[in-house]
Amino acid sequence: MNIKKIILAGTTVGALTVFAVTGAIAASTVVVTPSNPQGFSTADTRPGGNVAFVADPSSPYPTGALQLTTDATTTSKAQYLKGENMPLSGVTELSYHTKQNSGPVHADPSYQLLVDLNEASAGGFTTFVYEPYQNGVITPGTWQQWDVDAGQMWSSRTFTEGSCIVAAGFGGAPFYTLAGIKAMCPNAVVVGFGVNIGSNNPSYDVESDGVNFNGTTYDFELDPVATPTPTIAPTPTPFPVPTSKDACKKNGYKNLTDANGNPFKNQGQCVSYFNHQ
């Protein structure tokens, strides 16, 4: 499976709302919804895994969040990734927020950084994985922010080319830092990022929000609920106007008036009024 192609195929350009500028990086927030995923996709999500947008007012980016779950099987997997194309050397900010709803003590979504370590030639693809439990203590039921760019990550694959020497960690050591990877592999290019529950992690129920890639924060929200246009009932006429010519007959005109409340003098006047309405 060509993961790079899968991620890049789903990439779209979304509108950014600029809030502040720090140095050369524009800090911005992009709202991601089910109907406007802003280039994110469920990518390599597998049977038993599920990705859903949920309401969560407790999120640091209320009122929604992204929920990832796996069933009791070890093959289930849940993933939400966005394609990217940026030299790793230009990446300085990586962070996200997580919350553990239920699962084993280490349950939390990982931050995925998909990298082509030698963009100029074949091979070199790997995913650097940041696991919260390997960088701190997870508090169940509590939103926590993780500083990925300052933490340790393991590599999904082994690659060696010149000074770029990376060994697969298979869920653990050896660990790498963003600064260390950039120093070893100066030609590396980021091809995607996002959050993930990998296989062999059954019975997870976790959430994520505020995924930051290089100063752009992605806020996961439900689609807004459309407000129905109220139906305005016609204002009833306050006077008993004739609704047919027959209503004027047999002295019926005596109980009717025109729209201004003026009574009719006779049947003919009542019928004439109706005909002209």
C-alpha atoms as a PDB file:
ATOM      1  CA  MET A   1       0.000   0.000   0.000  1.00  0.00           C
ATOM      2  CA  ASN A   2       1.379   3.394  -0.990  1.00  0.00           C
ATOM      3  CA  ILE A   3       0.449   5.410   2.089  1.00  0.00           C
ATOM      4  CA  LYS A   4       1.982   8.580   0.656  1.00  0.00           C
ATOM      5  CA  LYS A   5      -0.351   8.445  -2.364  1.00  0.00           C
ATOM      6  CA  ILE A   6      -3.390   7.669  -0.207  1.00  0.00           C
ATOM      7  CA  ILE A   7      -2.791  10.686   2.013  1.00  0.00           C
ATOM      8  CA  LEU A   8      -1.917  13.131  -0.741  1.00  0.00           C
ATOM      9  CA  ALA A   9      -4.946  12.117  -2.816  1.00  0.00           C
ATOM     10  CA  GLY A  10      -7.247  13.439  -0.112  1.00  0.00           C
ATOM     11  CA  THR A  11      -5.504  16.791   0.276  1.00  0.00           C
ATOM     12  CA  THR A  12      -7.605  19.910  -0.276  1.00  0.00           C
ATOM     13  CA  VAL A  13      -6.975  23.560   0.479  1.00  0.00           C
ATOM     14  CA  GLY A  14      -9.057  25.048   3.298  1.00  0.00           C
ATOM     15  CA  ALA A  15      -9.560  28.612   4.420  1.00  0.00           C
ATOM     16  CA  LEU A  16      -7.382  29.657   7.333  1.00  0.00           C
ATOM     17  CA  THR A  17      -8.452  32.072  10.023  1.00  0.00           C
ATOM     18  CA  VAL A  18      -5.363  33.984  11.154  1.00  0.00           C
ATOM     19  CA  PHE A  19      -5.177  34.854  14.835  1.00  0.00           C
ATOM     20  CA  ALA A  20      -1.545  35.757  15.541  1.00  0.00           C
ATOM     21  CA  VAL A  21       1.920  35.734  14.066  1.00  0.00           C
ATOM     22  CA  THR A  22       4.957  34.450  15.923  1.00  0.00           C
ATOM     23  CA  GLY A  23       8.283  34.900  14.164  1.00  0.00           C
ATOM     24  CA  ALA A  24       8.074  33.603  10.600  1.00  0.00           C
ATOM     25  CA  ILE A  25       5.199  31.184  11.309  1.00  0.00           C
ATOM     26  CA  ALA A  26       1.586  32.349  11.066  1.00  0.00           C
ATOM     27  CA  ALA A  27      -0.431  30.800  13.897  1.00  0.00           C
ATOM     28  CA  SER A  28      -3.856  29.907  12.552  1.00  0.00           C
ATOM     29  CA  THR A  29      -6.826  27.670  13.237  1.00  0.00           C
ATOM     30  CA  VAL A  30      -8.635  25.540  10.656  1.00  0.00           C
ATOM     31  CA  VAL A  31     -12.044  24.106  11.550  1.00  0.00           C
ATOM     32  CA  VAL A  32     -12.451  20.514  10.348  1.00  0.00           C
ATOM     33  CA  THR A  33     -15.966  19.043  10.103  1.00  0.00           C
ATOM     34  CA  PRO A  34     -17.450  15.832   8.651  1.00  0.00           C
ATOM     35  CA  SER A  35     -18.675  17.718   5.575  1.00  0.00           C
ATOM     36  CA  ASN A  36     -15.470  19.782   5.233  1.00  0.00           C
ATOM     37  CA  PRO A  37     -12.531  17.549   6.243  1.00  0.00           C
ATOM     38  CA  GLN A  38      -9.942  20.066   4.994  1.00  0.00           C
ATOM     39  CA  GLY A  39      -7.859  17.304   3.389  1.00  0.00           C
ATOM     40  CA  PHE A  40      -8.015  14.821   6.277  1.00  0.00           C
ATOM     41  CA  SER A  41      -9.089  11.230   5.608  1.00  0.00           C
ATOM     42  CA  THR A  42      -9.547   8.016   7.561  1.00  0.00           C
ATOM     43  CA  ALA A  43      -6.593   6.678   5.507  1.00  0.00           C
ATOM     44  CA  ASP A  44      -5.588   3.213   6.802  1.00  0.00           C
ATOM     45  CA  THR A  45      -8.486   2.738   9.246  1.00  0.00           C
ATOM     46  CA  ARG A  46      -9.263  -0.989   9.396  1.00  0.00           C
ATOM     47  CA  PRO A  47     -12.310  -3.110  10.390  1.00  0.00           C
ATOM     48  CA  GLY A  48     -13.053  -2.707  14.090  1.00  0.00           C
ATOM     49  CA  GLY A  49     -11.631   0.814  14.124  1.00  0.00           C
ATOM     50  CA  ASN A  50     -13.780   3.913  13.874  1.00  0.00           C
ATOM     51  CA  VAL A  51     -13.261   7.655  13.505  1.00  0.00           C
ATOM     52  CA  ALA A  52     -16.127   9.999  14.422  1.00  0.00           C
ATOM     53  CA  PHE A  53     -16.806  13.640  15.183  1.00  0.00           C
ATOM     54  CA  VAL A  54     -18.487  14.036  18.575  1.00  0.00           C
ATOM     55  CA  ALA A  55     -19.843  16.806  20.768  1.00  0.00           C
ATOM     56  CA  ASP A  56     -17.524  17.529  23.707  1.00  0.00           C
ATOM     57  CA  PRO A  57     -17.894  20.939  25.392  1.00  0.00           C
ATOM     58  CA  SER A  58     -14.953  20.061  27.669  1.00  0.00           C
ATOM     59  CA  SER A  59     -12.524  20.099  24.737  1.00  0.00           C
ATOM     60  CA  PRO A  60      -9.968  22.935  24.712  1.00  0.00           C
ATOM     61  CA  TYR A  61     -11.497  23.694  21.290  1.00  0.00           C
ATOM     62  CA  PRO A  62     -15.202  23.374  22.121  1.00  0.00           C
ATOM     63  CA  THR A  63     -17.722  22.206  21.350  1.00  0.00           C
ATOM     64  CA  GLY A  64     -16.549  19.229  19.279  1.00  0.00           C
ATOM     65  CA  ALA A  65     -13.709  16.728  19.104  1.00  0.00           C
ATOM     66  CA  LEU A  66     -12.463  13.739  17.114  1.00  0.00           C
ATOM     67  CA  GLN A  67     -13.163  10.333  18.645  1.00  0.00           C
ATOM     68  CA  LEU A  68     -11.110   7.253  17.743  1.00  0.00           C
ATOM     69  CA  THR A  69     -12.154   3.787  18.894  1.00  0.00           C
ATOM     70  CA  THR A  70     -11.092   0.174  18.390  1.00  0.00           C
ATOM     71  CA  ASP A  71     -13.002  -2.984  19.190  1.00  0.00           C
ATOM     72  CA  ALA A  72     -11.663  -5.994  21.100  1.00  0.00           C
ATOM     73  CA  THR A  73      -9.726  -7.367  18.111  1.00  0.00           C
ATOM     74  CA  THR A  74      -5.989  -6.824  17.725  1.00  0.00           C
ATOM     75  CA  THR A  75      -6.312  -6.069  14.002  1.00  0.00           C
ATOM     76  CA  SER A  76      -8.587  -3.036  14.436  1.00  0.00           C
ATOM     77  CA  LYS A  77      -7.068   0.344  13.664  1.00  0.00           C
ATOM     78  CA  ALA A  78      -8.350   3.967  13.603  1.00  0.00           C
ATOM     79  CA  GLN A  79      -6.557   6.744  11.789  1.00  0.00           C
ATOM     80  CA  TYR A  80      -7.177  10.348  10.679  1.00  0.00           C
ATOM     81  CA  LEU A  81      -4.407  11.844   8.556  1.00  0.00           C
ATOM     82  CA  LYS A  82      -3.791  14.846   6.321  1.00  0.00           C
ATOM     83  CA  GLY A  83      -1.411  14.973   3.375  1.00  0.00           C
ATOM     84  CA  GLU A  84       1.463  17.470   3.467  1.00  0.00           C
ATOM     85  CA  ASN A  85       4.495  18.417   1.402  1.00  0.00           C
ATOM     86  CA  MET A  86       7.012  20.374   3.437  1.00  0.00           C
ATOM     87  CA  PRO A  87      10.742  20.013   4.091  1.00  0.00           C
ATOM     88  CA  LEU A  88      11.217  18.628   7.573  1.00  0.00           C
ATOM     89  CA  SER A  89      13.870  21.290   8.147  1.00  0.00           C
ATOM     90  CA  GLY A  90      11.120  23.944   8.141  1.00  0.00           C
ATOM     91  CA  VAL A  91       8.964  22.242  10.780  1.00  0.00           C
ATOM     92  CA  THR A  92       9.239  23.762  14.263  1.00  0.00           C
ATOM     93  CA  GLU A  93       5.837  23.204  15.934  1.00  0.00           C
ATOM     94  CA  LEU A  94       4.090  19.881  16.568  1.00  0.00           C
ATOM     95  CA  SER A  95       1.517  19.379  19.326  1.00  0.00           C
ATOM     96  CA  TYR A  96      -1.990  18.113  20.056  1.00  0.00           C
ATOM     97  CA  HIS A  97      -4.574  17.504  22.773  1.00  0.00           C
ATOM     98  CA  THR A  98      -5.905  14.098  23.840  1.00  0.00           C
ATOM     99  CA  LYS A  99      -8.434  12.606  26.241  1.00  0.00           C
ATOM    100  CA  GLN A 100      -8.743   8.989  27.338  1.00  0.00           C
ATOM    101  CA  ASN A 101     -12.379   7.941  27.781  1.00  0.00           C
ATOM    102  CA  SER A 102     -11.674   4.253  28.410  1.00  0.00           C
ATOM    103  CA  GLY A 103      -9.140   1.546  27.667  1.00  0.00           C
ATOM    104  CA  PRO A 104      -5.870   0.306  29.135  1.00  0.00           C
ATOM    105  CA  VAL A 105      -3.745   2.680  31.199  1.00  0.00           C
ATOM    106  CA  HIS A 106      -1.644   3.706  28.192  1.00  0.00           C
ATOM    107  CA  ALA A 107      -4.632   4.327  25.880  1.00  0.00           C
ATOM    108  CA  ASP A 108      -4.411   7.581  23.911  1.00  0.00           C
ATOM    109  CA  PRO A 109      -4.152   8.496  20.233  1.00  0.00           C
ATOM    110  CA  SER A 110      -0.607   8.824  18.917  1.00  0.00           C
ATOM    111  CA  TYR A 111       0.647  11.743  16.809  1.00  0.00           C
ATOM    112  CA  GLN A 112       1.788  10.496  13.407  1.00  0.00           C
ATOM    113  CA  LEU A 113       4.459  12.291  11.365  1.00  0.00           C
ATOM    114  CA  LEU A 114       4.794  10.693   7.916  1.00  0.00           C
ATOM    115  CA  VAL A 115       8.203  11.414   6.402  1.00  0.00           C
ATOM    116  CA  ASP A 116      10.063  10.648   3.188  1.00  0.00           C
ATOM    117  CA  LEU A 117      13.641  10.576   4.454  1.00  0.00           C
ATOM    118  CA  ASN A 118      15.206  10.916   0.968  1.00  0.00           C
ATOM    119  CA  GLU A 119      12.748  12.745  -1.254  1.00  0.00           C
ATOM    120  CA  ALA A 120      15.201  12.728  -4.167  1.00  0.00           C
ATOM    121  CA  SER A 121      15.305   8.947  -4.605  1.00  0.00           C
ATOM    122  CA  ALA A 122      13.214   5.805  -4.124  1.00  0.00           C
ATOM    123  CA  GLY A 123      12.507   4.442  -0.675  1.00  0.00           C
ATOM    124  CA  GLY A 124      12.893   6.264   2.576  1.00  0.00           C
ATOM    125  CA  PHE A 125       9.263   6.382   3.726  1.00  0.00           C
ATOM    126  CA  THR A 126       8.609   5.992   7.445  1.00  0.00           C
ATOM    127  CA  THR A 127       6.202   7.165  10.109  1.00  0.00           C
ATOM    128  CA  PHE A 128       7.531   8.733  13.285  1.00  0.00           C
ATOM    129  CA  VAL A 129       5.131   7.958  16.112  1.00  0.00           C
ATOM    130  CA  TYR A 130       4.716  10.040  19.258  1.00  0.00           C
ATOM    131  CA  GLU A 131       3.048   8.073  22.080  1.00  0.00           C
ATOM    132  CA  PRO A 132       1.774  10.117  25.064  1.00  0.00           C
ATOM    133  CA  TYR A 133       2.494   7.357  27.596  1.00  0.00           C
ATOM    134  CA  GLN A 134       6.142   7.338  26.472  1.00  0.00           C
ATOM    135  CA  ASN A 135       6.379  11.063  27.163  1.00  0.00           C
ATOM    136  CA  GLY A 136       4.393  11.538  30.364  1.00  0.00           C
ATOM    137  CA  VAL A 137       1.516  10.273  32.500  1.00  0.00           C
ATOM    138  CA  ILE A 138      -1.961   9.903  30.987  1.00  0.00           C
ATOM    139  CA  THR A 139      -4.814  11.067  33.213  1.00  0.00           C
ATOM    140  CA  PRO A 140      -8.101   9.318  32.276  1.00  0.00           C
ATOM    141  CA  GLY A 141     -11.066  11.570  31.515  1.00  0.00           C
ATOM    142  CA  THR A 142      -8.882  14.690  31.285  1.00  0.00           C
ATOM    143  CA  TRP A 143      -7.804  16.718  28.282  1.00  0.00           C
ATOM    144  CA  GLN A 144      -4.005  16.926  28.084  1.00  0.00           C
ATOM    145  CA  GLN A 145      -1.722  18.788  25.694  1.00  0.00           C
ATOM    146  CA  TRP A 146       1.410  17.098  24.346  1.00  0.00           C
ATOM    147  CA  ASP A 147       4.446  18.960  22.969  1.00  0.00           C
ATOM    148  CA  VAL A 148       5.413  16.574  20.185  1.00  0.00           C
ATOM    149  CA  ASP A 149       8.311  18.616  18.776  1.00  0.00           C
ATOM    150  CA  ALA A 150      10.079  18.445  22.148  1.00  0.00           C
ATOM    151  CA  GLY A 151       9.266  14.772  22.798  1.00  0.00           C
ATOM    152  CA  GLN A 152      10.535  11.388  21.684  1.00  0.00           C
ATOM    153  CA  MET A 153       9.222   9.376  18.743  1.00  0.00           C
ATOM    154  CA  TRP A 154       9.901   5.922  17.334  1.00  0.00           C
ATOM    155  CA  SER A 155      10.153   5.014  13.648  1.00  0.00           C
ATOM    156  CA  SER A 156       7.931   2.483  11.880  1.00  0.00           C
ATOM    157  CA  ARG A 157      10.717   1.536   9.432  1.00  0.00           C
ATOM    158  CA  THR A 158      14.476   1.214   9.149  1.00  0.00           C
ATOM    159  CA  PHE A 159      16.380   3.355   6.655  1.00  0.00           C
ATOM    160  CA  THR A 160      20.062   4.099   6.048  1.00  0.00           C
ATOM    161  CA  GLU A 161      21.531   6.541   3.551  1.00  0.00           C
ATOM    162  CA  GLY A 162      24.607   8.587   4.360  1.00  0.00           C
ATOM    163  CA  SER A 163      24.146  10.341   7.697  1.00  0.00           C
ATOM    164  CA  CYS A 164      20.430   9.496   7.711  1.00  0.00           C
ATOM    165  CA  ILE A 165      20.358   6.348   9.848  1.00  0.00           C
ATOM    166  CA  VAL A 166      16.984   5.403  11.321  1.00  0.00           C
ATOM    167  CA  ALA A 167      16.051   2.085  12.957  1.00  0.00           C
ATOM    168  CA  ALA A 168      12.509   0.766  13.355  1.00  0.00           C
ATOM    169  CA  GLY A 169      11.283   0.864  16.938  1.00  0.00           C
ATOM    170  CA  PHE A 170       8.228  -1.434  16.655  1.00  0.00           C
ATOM    171  CA  GLY A 171       6.430   0.524  19.362  1.00  0.00           C
ATOM    172  CA  GLY A 172       9.459   1.513  21.430  1.00  0.00           C
ATOM    173  CA  ALA A 173      13.155   2.379  21.424  1.00  0.00           C
ATOM    174  CA  PRO A 174      15.194   3.583  19.668  1.00  0.00           C
ATOM    175  CA  PHE A 175      13.616   7.006  20.052  1.00  0.00           C
ATOM    176  CA  TYR A 176      14.181  10.124  17.969  1.00  0.00           C
ATOM    177  CA  THR A 177      13.478  13.811  18.463  1.00  0.00           C
ATOM    178  CA  LEU A 178      12.398  16.267  15.789  1.00  0.00           C
ATOM    179  CA  ALA A 179      15.695  18.136  16.109  1.00  0.00           C
ATOM    180  CA  GLY A 180      17.689  14.913  15.865  1.00  0.00           C
ATOM    181  CA  ILE A 181      15.864  13.719  12.751  1.00  0.00           C
ATOM    182  CA  LYS A 182      16.366  17.070  11.022  1.00  0.00           C
ATOM    183  CA  ALA A 183      20.084  16.980  11.813  1.00  0.00           C
ATOM    184  CA  MET A 184      20.553  13.390  10.559  1.00  0.00           C
ATOM    185  CA  CYS A 185      18.303  13.633   7.506  1.00  0.00           C
ATOM    186  CA  PRO A 186      18.525  17.174   6.068  1.00  0.00           C
ATOM    187  CA  ASN A 187      16.695  16.190   2.869  1.00  0.00           C
ATOM    188  CA  ALA A 188      13.661  14.680   4.624  1.00  0.00           C
ATOM    189  CA  VAL A 189      10.187  15.845   3.590  1.00  0.00           C
ATOM    190  CA  VAL A 190       6.966  15.607   5.610  1.00  0.00           C
ATOM    191  CA  VAL A 191       4.258  13.941   3.490  1.00  0.00           C
ATOM    192  CA  GLY A 192       1.513  13.711   6.105  1.00  0.00           C
ATOM    193  CA  PHE A 193       0.487  14.009   9.750  1.00  0.00           C
ATOM    194  CA  GLY A 194      -2.439  13.195  12.025  1.00  0.00           C
ATOM    195  CA  VAL A 195      -3.626  10.960  14.844  1.00  0.00           C
ATOM    196  CA  ASN A 196      -3.854   7.199  15.093  1.00  0.00           C
ATOM    197  CA  ILE A 197      -4.665   4.101  17.126  1.00  0.00           C
ATOM    198  CA  GLY A 198      -2.448   1.378  15.698  1.00  0.00           C
ATOM    199  CA  SER A 199      -3.164  -2.331  15.510  1.00  0.00           C
ATOM    200  CA  ASN A 200      -2.623  -4.437  18.648  1.00  0.00           C
ATOM    201  CA  ASN A 201      -4.381  -1.736  20.670  1.00  0.00           C
ATOM    202  CA  PRO A 202      -7.848  -3.185  21.334  1.00  0.00           C
ATOM    203  CA  SER A 203     -10.733  -1.573  23.251  1.00  0.00           C
ATOM    204  CA  TYR A 204      -9.613   2.061  22.967  1.00  0.00           C
ATOM    205  CA  ASP A 205     -12.047   4.965  23.315  1.00  0.00           C
ATOM    206  CA  VAL A 206     -10.035   8.179  23.039  1.00  0.00           C
ATOM    207  CA  GLU A 207     -10.397  11.701  21.665  1.00  0.00           C
ATOM    208  CA  SER A 208      -8.161  14.311  20.086  1.00  0.00           C
ATOM    209  CA  ASP A 209      -8.444  17.988  19.186  1.00  0.00           C
ATOM    210  CA  GLY A 210      -6.251  20.983  18.440  1.00  0.00           C
ATOM    211  CA  VAL A 211      -3.791  19.052  16.263  1.00  0.00           C
ATOM    212  CA  ASN A 212      -0.961  21.501  15.526  1.00  0.00           C
ATOM    213  CA  PHE A 213       1.291  21.117  12.515  1.00  0.00           C
ATOM    214  CA  ASN A 214       3.877  23.880  12.181  1.00  0.00           C
ATOM    215  CA  GLY A 215       1.706  26.634  13.627  1.00  0.00           C
ATOM    216  CA  THR A 216      -1.606  25.632  12.051  1.00  0.00           C
ATOM    217  CA  THR A 217      -4.053  24.143  14.549  1.00  0.00           C
ATOM    218  CA  TYR A 218      -6.853  21.867  13.376  1.00  0.00           C
ATOM    219  CA  ASP A 219     -10.063  22.152  15.403  1.00  0.00           C
ATOM    220  CA  PHE A 220     -12.434  19.175  14.992  1.00  0.00           C
ATOM    221  CA  GLU A 221     -16.114  20.156  15.136  1.00  0.00           C
ATOM    222  CA  LEU A 222     -19.502  18.708  14.236  1.00  0.00           C
ATOM    223  CA  ASP A 223     -21.297  20.220  11.270  1.00  0.00           C
ATOM    224  CA  PRO A 224     -23.454  23.173  12.334  1.00  0.00           C
ATOM    225  CA  VAL A 225     -27.140  22.377  12.671  1.00  0.00           C
ATOM    226  CA  ALA A 226     -29.234  24.294  10.167  1.00  0.00           C
ATOM    227  CA  THR A 227     -31.891  26.488  11.769  1.00  0.00           C
ATOM    228  CA  PRO A 228     -35.243  25.971  10.022  1.00  0.00           C
ATOM    229  CA  THR A 229     -36.936  29.070   8.644  1.00  0.00           C
ATOM    230  CA  PRO A 230     -40.032  29.727  10.771  1.00  0.00           C
ATOM    231  CA  THR A 231     -43.382  29.542   9.024  1.00  0.00           C
ATOM    232  CA  ILE A 232     -45.303  32.759   9.491  1.00  0.00           C
ATOM    233  CA  ALA A 233     -49.068  32.244   9.558  1.00  0.00           C
ATOM    234  CA  PRO A 234     -51.135  34.844   7.696  1.00  0.00           C
ATOM    235  CA  THR A 235     -52.704  37.462   9.891  1.00  0.00           C
ATOM    236  CA  PRO A 236     -56.412  36.676  10.151  1.00  0.00           C
ATOM    237  CA  THR A 237     -58.859  39.383   9.074  1.00  0.00           C
ATOM    238  CA  PRO A 238     -60.466  40.793  12.211  1.00  0.00           C
ATOM    239  CA  PHE A 239     -63.846  41.267  10.481  1.00  0.00           C
ATOM    240  CA  PRO A 240     -66.315  38.691   9.048  1.00  0.00           C
ATOM    241  CA  VAL A 241     -65.835  39.413   5.321  1.00  0.00           C
ATOM    242  CA  PRO A 242     -67.775  37.427   2.711  1.00  0.00           C
ATOM    243  CA  THR A 243     -65.985  34.322   1.464  1.00  0.00           C
ATOM    244  CA  SER A 244     -68.502  33.596  -1.322  1.00  0.00           C
ATOM    245  CA  LYS A 245     -71.481  35.190  -3.053  1.00  0.00           C
ATOM    246  CA  ASP A 246     -73.780  32.698  -1.371  1.00  0.00           C
ATOM    247  CA  ALA A 247     -72.666  33.980   2.012  1.00  0.00           C
ATOM    248  CA  CYS A 248     -74.354  37.288   1.150  1.00  0.00           C
ATOM    249  CA  LYS A 249     -77.708  35.682   0.317  1.00  0.00           C
ATOM    250  CA  LYS A 250     -80.716  35.052   2.546  1.00  0.00           C
ATOM    251  CA  ASN A 251     -79.871  38.082   4.671  1.00  0.00           C
ATOM    252  CA  GLY A 252     -76.349  36.728   5.266  1.00  0.00           C
ATOM    253  CA  TYR A 253     -74.986  40.159   4.337  1.00  0.00           C
ATOM    254  CA  LYS A 254     -76.378  41.471   7.617  1.00  0.00           C
ATOM    255  CA  ASN A 255     -73.750  39.471   9.507  1.00  0.00           C
ATOM    256  CA  LEU A 256     -70.867  40.472   7.247  1.00  0.00           C
ATOM    257  CA  THR A 257     -68.691  43.556   6.732  1.00  0.00           C
ATOM    258  CA  ASP A 258     -65.939  44.699   4.428  1.00  0.00           C
ATOM    259  CA  ALA A 259     -62.250  44.457   5.491  1.00  0.00           C
ATOM    260  CA  ASN A 260     -62.550  47.778   7.288  1.00  0.00           C
ATOM    261  CA  GLY A 261     -65.512  46.663   9.354  1.00  0.00           C
ATOM    262  CA  ASN A 262     -68.168  48.603   7.439  1.00  0.00           C
ATOM    263  CA  PRO A 263     -71.513  46.735   7.273  1.00  0.00           C
ATOM    264  CA  PHE A 264     -73.247  46.157   3.947  1.00  0.00           C
ATOM    265  CA  LYS A 265     -76.514  47.970   3.224  1.00  0.00           C
ATOM    266  CA  ASN A 266     -77.926  45.142   1.134  1.00  0.00           C
ATOM    267  CA  GLN A 267     -77.201  41.829  -0.562  1.00  0.00           C
ATOM    268  CA  GLY A 268     -76.088  43.437  -3.842  1.00  0.00           C
ATOM    269  CA  GLN A 269     -73.440  45.553  -2.112  1.00  0.00           C
ATOM    270  CA  CYS A 270     -72.119  42.427  -0.344  1.00  0.00           C
ATOM    271  CA  VAL A 271     -71.939  40.423  -3.608  1.00  0.00           C
ATOM    272  CA  SER A 272     -70.269  43.332  -5.419  1.00  0.00           C
ATOM    273  CA  TYR A 273     -67.651  43.607  -2.673  1.00  0.00           C
ATOM    274  CA  PHE A 274     -66.862  39.878  -2.922  1.00  0.00           C
ATOM    275  CA  ASN A 275     -66.575  40.027  -6.720  1.00  0.00           C
ATOM    276  CA  HIS A 276     -64.037  42.864  -6.497  1.00  0.00           C
ATOM    277  CA  GLN A 277     -61.857  41.082  -3.953  1.00  0.00           C
END
